Amino acid sequence: MRVAKRMHGPAQISNAAATKYTVPANRRGIVRHVHIQNPSGATVTFTMSIGNDAAGTRLFDAFGVGANQVLDHWCYYILEAAEIIQALAGTTNVLVLTIDGDEDVLS
């Protein structure tokens, strides 16, 4: 059975890599939409990874989100049980992150 879910946020993100979503046991997560809002007057960088933050796991690597801009990333990332999404910003507590998707309940 597939269940639509808000996986994270909306919430501000810090300038240190932190887990924003962990796929629960006996589930498969499908990330469909990542929304980032920058309400400040300056460009702020955004980094997000599947798994622990590292150059080889990043979907966004210090991607600049312009002042007073929104980034909507429509996607289809499949994550297995216990996999994580981590994110961080170049400036702490400025960018607002929301992650939406589905969870499949595995039998």
PDB file of N, CA and C in Angstrom:
ATOM      1  N   MET A   1       0.843  -1.166   0.000  1.00  0.00           N
ATOM      2  CA  MET A   1       0.000   0.000   0.000  1.00  0.00           C
ATOM      3  C   MET A   1       0.896   1.240   0.000  1.00  0.00           C
ATOM      4  N   ARG A   2       0.567   2.213  -0.817  1.00  0.00           N
ATOM      5  CA  ARG A   2       1.330   3.456  -0.915  1.00  0.00           C
ATOM      6  C   ARG A   2       0.598   4.565  -0.177  1.00  0.00           C
ATOM      7  N   VAL A   3       1.361   5.330   0.628  1.00  0.00           N
ATOM      8  CA  VAL A   3       0.800   6.411   1.425  1.00  0.00           C
ATOM      9  C   VAL A   3       1.558   7.688   1.112  1.00  0.00           C
ATOM     10  N   ALA A   4       0.838   8.749   0.727  1.00  0.00           N
ATOM     11  CA  ALA A   4       1.467  10.054   0.517  1.00  0.00           C
ATOM     12  C   ALA A   4       1.896  10.613   1.864  1.00  0.00           C
ATOM     13  N   LYS A   5       3.043  11.298   1.889  1.00  0.00           N
ATOM     14  CA  LYS A   5       3.582  11.754   3.172  1.00  0.00           C
ATOM     15  C   LYS A   5       4.431  13.000   2.995  1.00  0.00           C
ATOM     16  N   ARG A   6       4.334  13.895   3.972  1.00  0.00           N
ATOM     17  CA  ARG A   6       5.313  14.968   4.076  1.00  0.00           C
ATOM     18  C   ARG A   6       6.446  14.385   4.893  1.00  0.00           C
ATOM     19  N   MET A   7       7.605  14.272   4.295  1.00  0.00           N
ATOM     20  CA  MET A   7       8.732  13.597   4.917  1.00  0.00           C
ATOM     21  C   MET A   7       9.536  14.514   5.834  1.00  0.00           C
ATOM     22  N   HIS A   8       9.499  15.813   5.546  1.00  0.00           N
ATOM     23  CA  HIS A   8      10.218  16.782   6.371  1.00  0.00           C
ATOM     24  C   HIS A   8       9.622  18.167   6.175  1.00  0.00           C
ATOM     25  N   GLY A   9       9.605  18.924   7.271  1.00  0.00           N
ATOM     26  CA  GLY A   9       9.311  20.348   7.227  1.00  0.00           C
ATOM     27  C   GLY A   9       7.839  20.688   7.043  1.00  0.00           C
ATOM     28  N   PRO A  10       7.631  21.954   6.732  1.00  0.00           N
ATOM     29  CA  PRO A  10       8.638  22.978   6.478  1.00  0.00           C
ATOM     30  C   PRO A  10       9.392  23.358   7.753  1.00  0.00           C
ATOM     31  N   ALA A  11      10.701  23.434   7.620  1.00  0.00           N
ATOM     32  CA  ALA A  11      11.553  23.791   8.755  1.00  0.00           C
ATOM     33  C   ALA A  11      12.869  24.370   8.251  1.00  0.00           C
ATOM     34  N   GLN A  12      13.413  25.301   9.026  1.00  0.00           N
ATOM     35  CA  GLN A  12      14.716  25.869   8.685  1.00  0.00           C
ATOM     36  C   GLN A  12      15.792  24.810   8.864  1.00  0.00           C
ATOM     37  N   ILE A  13      16.850  24.925   8.064  1.00  0.00           N
ATOM     38  CA  ILE A  13      17.959  23.981   8.174  1.00  0.00           C
ATOM     39  C   ILE A  13      19.223  24.707   8.633  1.00  0.00           C
ATOM     40  N   SER A  14      20.070  23.961   9.318  1.00  0.00           N
ATOM     41  CA  SER A  14      21.289  24.539   9.882  1.00  0.00           C
ATOM     42  C   SER A  14      22.439  24.471   8.876  1.00  0.00           C
ATOM     43  N   ASN A  15      23.600  24.931   9.312  1.00  0.00           N
ATOM     44  CA  ASN A  15      24.781  24.910   8.448  1.00  0.00           C
ATOM     45  C   ASN A  15      25.659  23.685   8.711  1.00  0.00           C
ATOM     46  N   ALA A  16      25.080  22.659   9.328  1.00  0.00           N
ATOM     47  CA  ALA A  16      25.776  21.383   9.547  1.00  0.00           C
ATOM     48  C   ALA A  16      24.896  20.267   9.001  1.00  0.00           C
ATOM     49  N   ALA A  17      25.500  19.300   8.353  1.00  0.00           N
ATOM     50  CA  ALA A  17      24.738  18.184   7.792  1.00  0.00           C
ATOM     51  C   ALA A  17      23.934  17.498   8.891  1.00  0.00           C
ATOM     52  N   ALA A  18      22.642  17.327   8.643  1.00  0.00           N
ATOM     53  CA  ALA A  18      21.761  16.684   9.611  1.00  0.00           C
ATOM     54  C   ALA A  18      20.720  15.860   8.865  1.00  0.00           C
ATOM     55  N   THR A  19      20.302  14.783   9.480  1.00  0.00           N
ATOM     56  CA  THR A  19      19.311  13.905   8.869  1.00  0.00           C
ATOM     57  C   THR A  19      17.939  14.566   8.895  1.00  0.00           C
ATOM     58  N   LYS A  20      17.299  14.616   7.732  1.00  0.00           N
ATOM     59  CA  LYS A  20      15.975  15.222   7.591  1.00  0.00           C
ATOM     60  C   LYS A  20      14.881  14.179   7.405  1.00  0.00           C
ATOM     61  N   TYR A  21      15.261  12.980   6.974  1.00  0.00           N
ATOM     62  CA  TYR A  21      14.279  11.912   6.794  1.00  0.00           C
ATOM     63  C   TYR A  21      15.001  10.577   6.850  1.00  0.00           C
ATOM     64  N   THR A  22      14.387   9.641   7.543  1.00  0.00           N
ATOM     65  CA  THR A  22      14.862   8.267   7.587  1.00  0.00           C
ATOM     66  C   THR A  22      13.705   7.368   7.193  1.00  0.00           C
ATOM     67  N   VAL A  23      13.929   6.473   6.245  1.00  0.00           N
ATOM     68  CA  VAL A  23      12.872   5.554   5.822  1.00  0.00           C
ATOM     69  C   VAL A  23      12.625   4.566   6.964  1.00  0.00           C
ATOM     70  N   PRO A  24      11.374   4.462   7.421  1.00  0.00           N
ATOM     71  CA  PRO A  24      11.070   3.523   8.510  1.00  0.00           C
ATOM     72  C   PRO A  24      11.272   2.066   8.087  1.00  0.00           C
ATOM     73  N   ALA A  25      11.399   1.207   9.088  1.00  0.00           N
ATOM     74  CA  ALA A  25      11.514  -0.235   8.832  1.00  0.00           C
ATOM     75  C   ALA A  25      10.283  -0.719   8.085  1.00  0.00           C
ATOM     76  N   ASN A  26      10.466  -1.689   7.229  1.00  0.00           N
ATOM     77  CA  ASN A  26       9.389  -2.297   6.447  1.00  0.00           C
ATOM     78  C   ASN A  26       8.692  -1.311   5.514  1.00  0.00           C
ATOM     79  N   ARG A  27       9.433  -0.281   5.086  1.00  0.00           N
ATOM     80  CA  ARG A  27       8.888   0.707   4.146  1.00  0.00           C
ATOM     81  C   ARG A  27       9.909   1.014   3.067  1.00  0.00           C
ATOM     82  N   ARG A  28       9.431   1.572   1.993  1.00  0.00           N
ATOM     83  CA  ARG A  28      10.276   2.127   0.934  1.00  0.00           C
ATOM     84  C   ARG A  28       9.806   3.567   0.752  1.00  0.00           C
ATOM     85  N   GLY A  29      10.731   4.504   0.772  1.00  0.00           N
ATOM     86  CA  GLY A  29      10.388   5.909   0.593  1.00  0.00           C
ATOM     87  C   GLY A  29      10.623   6.347  -0.838  1.00  0.00           C
ATOM     88  N   ILE A  30       9.717   7.169  -1.348  1.00  0.00           N
ATOM     89  CA  ILE A  30       9.859   7.727  -2.693  1.00  0.00           C
ATOM     90  C   ILE A  30       9.746   9.245  -2.572  1.00  0.00           C
ATOM     91  N   VAL A  31      10.863   9.920  -2.742  1.00  0.00           N
ATOM     92  CA  VAL A  31      10.871  11.385  -2.691  1.00  0.00           C
ATOM     93  C   VAL A  31      10.401  11.891  -4.041  1.00  0.00           C
ATOM     94  N   ARG A  32       9.383  12.740  -4.025  1.00  0.00           N
ATOM     95  CA  ARG A  32       8.807  13.264  -5.272  1.00  0.00           C
ATOM     96  C   ARG A  32       8.997  14.770  -5.442  1.00  0.00           C
ATOM     97  N   HIS A  33       9.188  15.480  -4.323  1.00  0.00           N
ATOM     98  CA  HIS A  33       9.274  16.940  -4.425  1.00  0.00           C
ATOM     99  C   HIS A  33      10.119  17.485  -3.277  1.00  0.00           C
ATOM    100  N   VAL A  34      11.068  18.336  -3.626  1.00  0.00           N
ATOM    101  CA  VAL A  34      11.881  19.052  -2.644  1.00  0.00           C
ATOM    102  C   VAL A  34      11.635  20.538  -2.883  1.00  0.00           C
ATOM    103  N   HIS A  35      11.229  21.237  -1.832  1.00  0.00           N
ATOM    104  CA  HIS A  35      10.920  22.667  -1.916  1.00  0.00           C
ATOM    105  C   HIS A  35      11.847  23.398  -0.958  1.00  0.00           C
ATOM    106  N   ILE A  36      12.589  24.381  -1.487  1.00  0.00           N
ATOM    107  CA  ILE A  36      13.487  25.190  -0.670  1.00  0.00           C
ATOM    108  C   ILE A  36      13.106  26.645  -0.867  1.00  0.00           C
ATOM    109  N   GLN A  37      12.909  27.347   0.239  1.00  0.00           N
ATOM    110  CA  GLN A  37      12.581  28.767   0.193  1.00  0.00           C
ATOM    111  C   GLN A  37      13.704  29.546   0.857  1.00  0.00           C
ATOM    112  N   ASN A  38      14.123  30.628   0.224  1.00  0.00           N
ATOM    113  CA  ASN A  38      15.120  31.526   0.808  1.00  0.00           C
ATOM    114  C   ASN A  38      14.455  32.883   1.033  1.00  0.00           C
ATOM    115  N   PRO A  39      14.007  33.161   2.267  1.00  0.00           N
ATOM    116  CA  PRO A  39      13.331  34.426   2.533  1.00  0.00           C
ATOM    117  C   PRO A  39      14.284  35.591   2.810  1.00  0.00           C
ATOM    118  N   SER A  40      15.589  35.345   2.721  1.00  0.00           N
ATOM    119  CA  SER A  40      16.560  36.395   3.065  1.00  0.00           C
ATOM    120  C   SER A  40      16.875  37.271   1.853  1.00  0.00           C
ATOM    121  N   GLY A  41      17.673  38.273   2.102  1.00  0.00           N
ATOM    122  CA  GLY A  41      18.080  39.207   1.057  1.00  0.00           C
ATOM    123  C   GLY A  41      19.388  38.839   0.377  1.00  0.00           C
ATOM    124  N   ALA A  42      19.892  37.624   0.602  1.00  0.00           N
ATOM    125  CA  ALA A  42      21.166  37.205   0.013  1.00  0.00           C
ATOM    126  C   ALA A  42      21.071  35.758  -0.455  1.00  0.00           C
ATOM    127  N   THR A  43      21.884  35.404  -1.432  1.00  0.00           N
ATOM    128  CA  THR A  43      21.955  34.021  -1.891  1.00  0.00           C
ATOM    129  C   THR A  43      22.520  33.146  -0.772  1.00  0.00           C
ATOM    130  N   VAL A  44      21.912  31.962  -0.592  1.00  0.00           N
ATOM    131  CA  VAL A  44      22.365  30.997   0.410  1.00  0.00           C
ATOM    132  C   VAL A  44      22.530  29.653  -0.299  1.00  0.00           C
ATOM    133  N   THR A  45      23.618  28.949  -0.014  1.00  0.00           N
ATOM    134  CA  THR A  45      23.852  27.658  -0.659  1.00  0.00           C
ATOM    135  C   THR A  45      23.097  26.541   0.057  1.00  0.00           C
ATOM    136  N   PHE A  46      22.750  25.518  -0.736  1.00  0.00           N
ATOM    137  CA  PHE A  46      21.983  24.372  -0.250  1.00  0.00           C
ATOM    138  C   PHE A  46      22.678  23.089  -0.689  1.00  0.00           C
ATOM    139  N   THR A  47      22.836  22.167   0.261  1.00  0.00           N
ATOM    140  CA  THR A  47      23.445  20.868  -0.015  1.00  0.00           C
ATOM    141  C   THR A  47      22.512  19.791   0.518  1.00  0.00           C
ATOM    142  N   MET A  48      22.274  18.762  -0.292  1.00  0.00           N
ATOM    143  CA  MET A  48      21.417  17.653   0.131  1.00  0.00           C
ATOM    144  C   MET A  48      21.975  16.358  -0.431  1.00  0.00           C
ATOM    145  N   SER A  49      21.910  15.290   0.383  1.00  0.00           N
ATOM    146  CA  SER A  49      22.444  14.004  -0.043  1.00  0.00           C
ATOM    147  C   SER A  49      21.496  12.876   0.340  1.00  0.00           C
ATOM    148  N   ILE A  50      21.623  11.779  -0.388  1.00  0.00           N
ATOM    149  CA  ILE A  50      20.994  10.532   0.015  1.00  0.00           C
ATOM    150  C   ILE A  50      22.098   9.734   0.677  1.00  0.00           C
ATOM    151  N   GLY A  51      21.942   9.484   1.964  1.00  0.00           N
ATOM    152  CA  GLY A  51      23.003   8.870   2.751  1.00  0.00           C
ATOM    153  C   GLY A  51      23.763   9.945   3.489  1.00  0.00           C
ATOM    154  N   ASN A  52      24.800   9.539   4.216  1.00  0.00           N
ATOM    155  CA  ASN A  52      25.621  10.515   4.926  1.00  0.00           C
ATOM    156  C   ASN A  52      26.226  11.489   3.943  1.00  0.00           C
ATOM    157  N   ASP A  53      26.278  12.760   4.344  1.00  0.00           N
ATOM    158  CA  ASP A  53      26.778  13.797   3.450  1.00  0.00           C
ATOM    159  C   ASP A  53      28.225  13.528   3.048  1.00  0.00           C
ATOM    160  N   ALA A  54      28.440  13.453   1.742  1.00  0.00           N
ATOM    161  CA  ALA A  54      29.778  13.275   1.160  1.00  0.00           C
ATOM    162  C   ALA A  54      29.676  13.659  -0.302  1.00  0.00           C
ATOM    163  N   ALA A  55      30.784  13.992  -0.899  1.00  0.00           N
ATOM    164  CA  ALA A  55      30.783  14.424  -2.299  1.00  0.00           C
ATOM    165  C   ALA A  55      30.085  13.427  -3.218  1.00  0.00           C
ATOM    166  N   GLY A  56      30.235  12.139  -2.952  1.00  0.00           N
ATOM    167  CA  GLY A  56      29.661  11.115  -3.818  1.00  0.00           C
ATOM    168  C   GLY A  56      28.199  10.792  -3.585  1.00  0.00           C
ATOM    169  N   THR A  57      27.570  11.416  -2.566  1.00  0.00           N
ATOM    170  CA  THR A  57      26.160  11.130  -2.271  1.00  0.00           C
ATOM    171  C   THR A  57      25.259  12.345  -2.474  1.00  0.00           C
ATOM    172  N   ARG A  58      25.820  13.447  -2.897  1.00  0.00           N
ATOM    173  CA  ARG A  58      25.059  14.701  -2.981  1.00  0.00           C
ATOM    174  C   ARG A  58      24.195  14.802  -4.232  1.00  0.00           C
ATOM    175  N   LEU A  59      22.966  15.259  -4.002  1.00  0.00           N
ATOM    176  CA  LEU A  59      22.070  15.615  -5.099  1.00  0.00           C
ATOM    177  C   LEU A  59      22.218  17.096  -5.425  1.00  0.00           C
ATOM    178  N   PHE A  60      22.463  17.901  -4.398  1.00  0.00           N
ATOM    179  CA  PHE A  60      22.768  19.324  -4.527  1.00  0.00           C
ATOM    180  C   PHE A  60      24.061  19.554  -3.760  1.00  0.00           C
ATOM    181  N   ASP A  61      25.009  20.241  -4.365  1.00  0.00           N
ATOM    182  CA  ASP A  61      26.301  20.479  -3.721  1.00  0.00           C
ATOM    183  C   ASP A  61      26.573  21.976  -3.717  1.00  0.00           C
ATOM    184  N   ALA A  62      26.271  22.624  -2.599  1.00  0.00           N
ATOM    185  CA  ALA A  62      26.436  24.070  -2.450  1.00  0.00           C
ATOM    186  C   ALA A  62      25.734  24.820  -3.583  1.00  0.00           C
ATOM    187  N   PHE A  63      24.510  24.405  -3.870  1.00  0.00           N
ATOM    188  CA  PHE A  63      23.689  25.021  -4.912  1.00  0.00           C
ATOM    189  C   PHE A  63      23.142  26.344  -4.396  1.00  0.00           C
ATOM    190  N   GLY A  64      23.368  27.411  -5.121  1.00  0.00           N
ATOM    191  CA  GLY A  64      22.925  28.736  -4.691  1.00  0.00           C
ATOM    192  C   GLY A  64      21.436  28.954  -4.900  1.00  0.00           C
ATOM    193  N   VAL A  65      20.734  29.287  -3.812  1.00  0.00           N
ATOM    194  CA  VAL A  65      19.320  29.657  -3.880  1.00  0.00           C
ATOM    195  C   VAL A  65      19.271  31.162  -3.677  1.00  0.00           C
ATOM    196  N   GLY A  66      18.836  31.872  -4.705  1.00  0.00           N
ATOM    197  CA  GLY A  66      18.876  33.325  -4.709  1.00  0.00           C
ATOM    198  C   GLY A  66      18.020  33.981  -3.646  1.00  0.00           C
ATOM    199  N   ALA A  67      18.327  35.244  -3.382  1.00  0.00           N
ATOM    200  CA  ALA A  67      17.587  36.027  -2.405  1.00  0.00           C
ATOM    201  C   ALA A  67      16.106  36.044  -2.755  1.00  0.00           C
ATOM    202  N   ASN A  68      15.275  35.803  -1.759  1.00  0.00           N
ATOM    203  CA  ASN A  68      13.817  35.817  -1.922  1.00  0.00           C
ATOM    204  C   ASN A  68      13.330  34.902  -3.045  1.00  0.00           C
ATOM    205  N   GLN A  69      14.018  33.787  -3.234  1.00  0.00           N
ATOM    206  CA  GLN A  69      13.665  32.836  -4.296  1.00  0.00           C
ATOM    207  C   GLN A  69      13.188  31.516  -3.706  1.00  0.00           C
ATOM    208  N   VAL A  70      12.560  30.742  -4.574  1.00  0.00           N
ATOM    209  CA  VAL A  70      12.088  29.402  -4.232  1.00  0.00           C
ATOM    210  C   VAL A  70      12.670  28.436  -5.248  1.00  0.00           C
ATOM    211  N   LEU A  71      13.096  27.279  -4.774  1.00  0.00           N
ATOM    212  CA  LEU A  71      13.544  26.203  -5.659  1.00  0.00           C
ATOM    213  C   LEU A  71      12.583  25.036  -5.476  1.00  0.00           C
ATOM    214  N   ASP A  72      11.929  24.614  -6.554  1.00  0.00           N
ATOM    215  CA  ASP A  72      11.080  23.432  -6.547  1.00  0.00           C
ATOM    216  C   ASP A  72      11.742  22.381  -7.406  1.00  0.00           C
ATOM    217  N   HIS A  73      12.095  21.275  -6.792  1.00  0.00           N
ATOM    218  CA  HIS A  73      12.770  20.171  -7.479  1.00  0.00           C
ATOM    219  C   HIS A  73      11.821  18.975  -7.493  1.00  0.00           C
ATOM    220  N   TRP A  74      11.249  18.701  -8.669  1.00  0.00           N
ATOM    221  CA  TRP A  74      10.365  17.550  -8.844  1.00  0.00           C
ATOM    222  C   TRP A  74      11.241  16.368  -9.215  1.00  0.00           C
ATOM    223  N   CYS A  75      11.066  15.254  -8.522  1.00  0.00           N
ATOM    224  CA  CYS A  75      12.012  14.152  -8.671  1.00  0.00           C
ATOM    225  C   CYS A  75      11.330  12.814  -8.397  1.00  0.00           C
ATOM    226  N   TYR A  76      12.114  11.755  -8.472  1.00  0.00           N
ATOM    227  CA  TYR A  76      11.635  10.411  -8.160  1.00  0.00           C
ATOM    228  C   TYR A  76      12.821   9.621  -7.642  1.00  0.00           C
ATOM    229  N   TYR A  77      13.124   9.801  -6.351  1.00  0.00           N
ATOM    230  CA  TYR A  77      14.234   9.113  -5.709  1.00  0.00           C
ATOM    231  C   TYR A  77      13.674   8.009  -4.820  1.00  0.00           C
ATOM    232  N   ILE A  78      14.094   6.790  -5.054  1.00  0.00           N
ATOM    233  CA  ILE A  78      13.624   5.645  -4.282  1.00  0.00           C
ATOM    234  C   ILE A  78      14.650   5.332  -3.200  1.00  0.00           C
ATOM    235  N   LEU A  79      14.175   5.246  -1.954  1.00  0.00           N
ATOM    236  CA  LEU A  79      15.037   4.951  -0.809  1.00  0.00           C
ATOM    237  C   LEU A  79      14.504   3.713  -0.104  1.00  0.00           C
ATOM    238  N   GLU A  80      15.411   2.847   0.281  1.00  0.00           N
ATOM    239  CA  GLU A  80      15.041   1.619   0.986  1.00  0.00           C
ATOM    240  C   GLU A  80      15.023   1.864   2.499  1.00  0.00           C
ATOM    241  N   ALA A  81      14.455   0.940   3.245  1.00  0.00           N
ATOM    242  CA  ALA A  81      14.363   1.049   4.699  1.00  0.00           C
ATOM    243  C   ALA A  81      15.722   1.404   5.298  1.00  0.00           C
ATOM    244  N   ALA A  82      15.711   2.332   6.227  1.00  0.00           N
ATOM    245  CA  ALA A  82      16.870   2.824   6.972  1.00  0.00           C
ATOM    246  C   ALA A  82      17.732   3.818   6.191  1.00  0.00           C
ATOM    247  N   GLU A  83      17.487   4.036   4.895  1.00  0.00           N
ATOM    248  CA  GLU A  83      18.240   5.066   4.174  1.00  0.00           C
ATOM    249  C   GLU A  83      17.804   6.443   4.656  1.00  0.00           C
ATOM    250  N   ILE A  84      18.715   7.411   4.535  1.00  0.00           N
ATOM    251  CA  ILE A  84      18.458   8.754   5.049  1.00  0.00           C
ATOM    252  C   ILE A  84      18.670   9.820   3.978  1.00  0.00           C
ATOM    253  N   ILE A  85      18.086  10.975   4.259  1.00  0.00           N
ATOM    254  CA  ILE A  85      18.368  12.195   3.498  1.00  0.00           C
ATOM    255  C   ILE A  85      18.973  13.178   4.486  1.00  0.00           C
ATOM    256  N   GLN A  86      20.113  13.753   4.110  1.00  0.00           N
ATOM    257  CA  GLN A  86      20.732  14.793   4.923  1.00  0.00           C
ATOM    258  C   GLN A  86      20.765  16.090   4.128  1.00  0.00           C
ATOM    259  N   ALA A  87      20.726  17.214   4.853  1.00  0.00           N
ATOM    260  CA  ALA A  87      20.765  18.520   4.200  1.00  0.00           C
ATOM    261  C   ALA A  87      21.465  19.525   5.102  1.00  0.00           C
ATOM    262  N   LEU A  88      21.964  20.581   4.467  1.00  0.00           N
ATOM    263  CA  LEU A  88      22.560  21.698   5.189  1.00  0.00           C
ATOM    264  C   LEU A  88      22.529  22.932   4.309  1.00  0.00           C
ATOM    265  N   ALA A  89      22.691  24.086   4.934  1.00  0.00           N
ATOM    266  CA  ALA A  89      22.699  25.363   4.230  1.00  0.00           C
ATOM    267  C   ALA A  89      24.013  26.081   4.500  1.00  0.00           C
ATOM    268  N   GLY A  90      24.369  27.004   3.622  1.00  0.00           N
ATOM    269  CA  GLY A  90      25.585  27.783   3.811  1.00  0.00           C
ATOM    270  C   GLY A  90      25.475  28.759   4.972  1.00  0.00           C
ATOM    271  N   THR A  91      24.253  29.156   5.304  1.00  0.00           N
ATOM    272  CA  THR A  91      23.982  30.043   6.436  1.00  0.00           C
ATOM    273  C   THR A  91      22.919  29.365   7.291  1.00  0.00           C
ATOM    274  N   THR A  92      23.160  29.269   8.570  1.00  0.00           N
ATOM    275  CA  THR A  92      22.236  28.535   9.430  1.00  0.00           C
ATOM    276  C   THR A  92      20.899  29.252   9.604  1.00  0.00           C
ATOM    277  N   ASN A  93      19.839  28.467   9.663  1.00  0.00           N
ATOM    278  CA  ASN A  93      18.478  28.930   9.961  1.00  0.00           C
ATOM    279  C   ASN A  93      17.973  30.042   9.045  1.00  0.00           C
ATOM    280  N   VAL A  94      18.242  29.883   7.742  1.00  0.00           N
ATOM    281  CA  VAL A  94      17.692  30.803   6.751  1.00  0.00           C
ATOM    282  C   VAL A  94      16.794  30.026   5.785  1.00  0.00           C
ATOM    283  N   LEU A  95      17.352  29.032   5.109  1.00  0.00           N
ATOM    284  CA  LEU A  95      16.571  28.267   4.137  1.00  0.00           C
ATOM    285  C   LEU A  95      15.515  27.424   4.850  1.00  0.00           C
ATOM    286  N   VAL A  96      14.350  27.339   4.221  1.00  0.00           N
ATOM    287  CA  VAL A  96      13.252  26.521   4.732  1.00  0.00           C
ATOM    288  C   VAL A  96      13.071  25.355   3.762  1.00  0.00           C
ATOM    289  N   LEU A  97      13.152  24.135   4.297  1.00  0.00           N
ATOM    290  CA  LEU A  97      13.110  22.916   3.488  1.00  0.00           C
ATOM    291  C   LEU A  97      11.838  22.123   3.769  1.00  0.00           C
ATOM    292  N   THR A  98      11.201  21.681   2.685  1.00  0.00           N
ATOM    293  CA  THR A  98      10.072  20.761   2.770  1.00  0.00           C
ATOM    294  C   THR A  98      10.322  19.634   1.782  1.00  0.00           C
ATOM    295  N   ILE A  99      10.114  18.400   2.225  1.00  0.00           N
ATOM    296  CA  ILE A  99      10.284  17.219   1.368  1.00  0.00           C
ATOM    297  C   ILE A  99       8.978  16.443   1.398  1.00  0.00           C
ATOM    298  N   ASP A 100       8.444  16.149   0.207  1.00  0.00           N
ATOM    299  CA  ASP A 100       7.202  15.389   0.081  1.00  0.00           C
ATOM    300  C   ASP A 100       7.436  14.141  -0.745  1.00  0.00           C
ATOM    301  N   GLY A 101       6.629  13.120  -0.492  1.00  0.00           N
ATOM    302  CA  GLY A 101       6.741  11.903  -1.286  1.00  0.00           C
ATOM    303  C   GLY A 101       5.743  10.861  -0.839  1.00  0.00           C
ATOM    304  N   ASP A 102       6.113   9.631  -1.027  1.00  0.00           N
ATOM    305  CA  ASP A 102       5.267   8.498  -0.679  1.00  0.00           C
ATOM    306  C   ASP A 102       6.081   7.492   0.112  1.00  0.00           C
ATOM    307  N   GLU A 103       5.369   6.673   0.874  1.00  0.00           N
ATOM    308  CA  GLU A 103       5.973   5.518   1.500  1.00  0.00           C
ATOM    309  C   GLU A 103       5.179   4.280   1.087  1.00  0.00           C
ATOM    310  N   ASP A 104       5.885   3.274   0.621  1.00  0.00           N
ATOM    311  CA  ASP A 104       5.279   1.977   0.334  1.00  0.00           C
ATOM    312  C   ASP A 104       5.444   1.102   1.561  1.00  0.00           C
ATOM    313  N   VAL A 105       4.344   0.503   2.012  1.00  0.00           N
ATOM    314  CA  VAL A 105       4.391  -0.430   3.120  1.00  0.00           C
ATOM    315  C   VAL A 105       4.742  -1.788   2.530  1.00  0.00           C
ATOM    316  N   LEU A 106       5.867  -2.351   2.971  1.00  0.00           N
ATOM    317  CA  LEU A 106       6.325  -3.632   2.458  1.00  0.00           C
ATOM    318  C   LEU A 106       5.776  -4.764   3.320  1.00  0.00           C
ATOM    319  N   SER A 107       5.489  -5.867   2.698  1.00  0.00           N
ATOM    320  CA  SER A 107       4.947  -6.989   3.474  1.00  0.00           C
ATOM    321  C   SER A 107       6.048  -7.899   3.970  1.00  0.00           C
TER     322      SER A 107
END
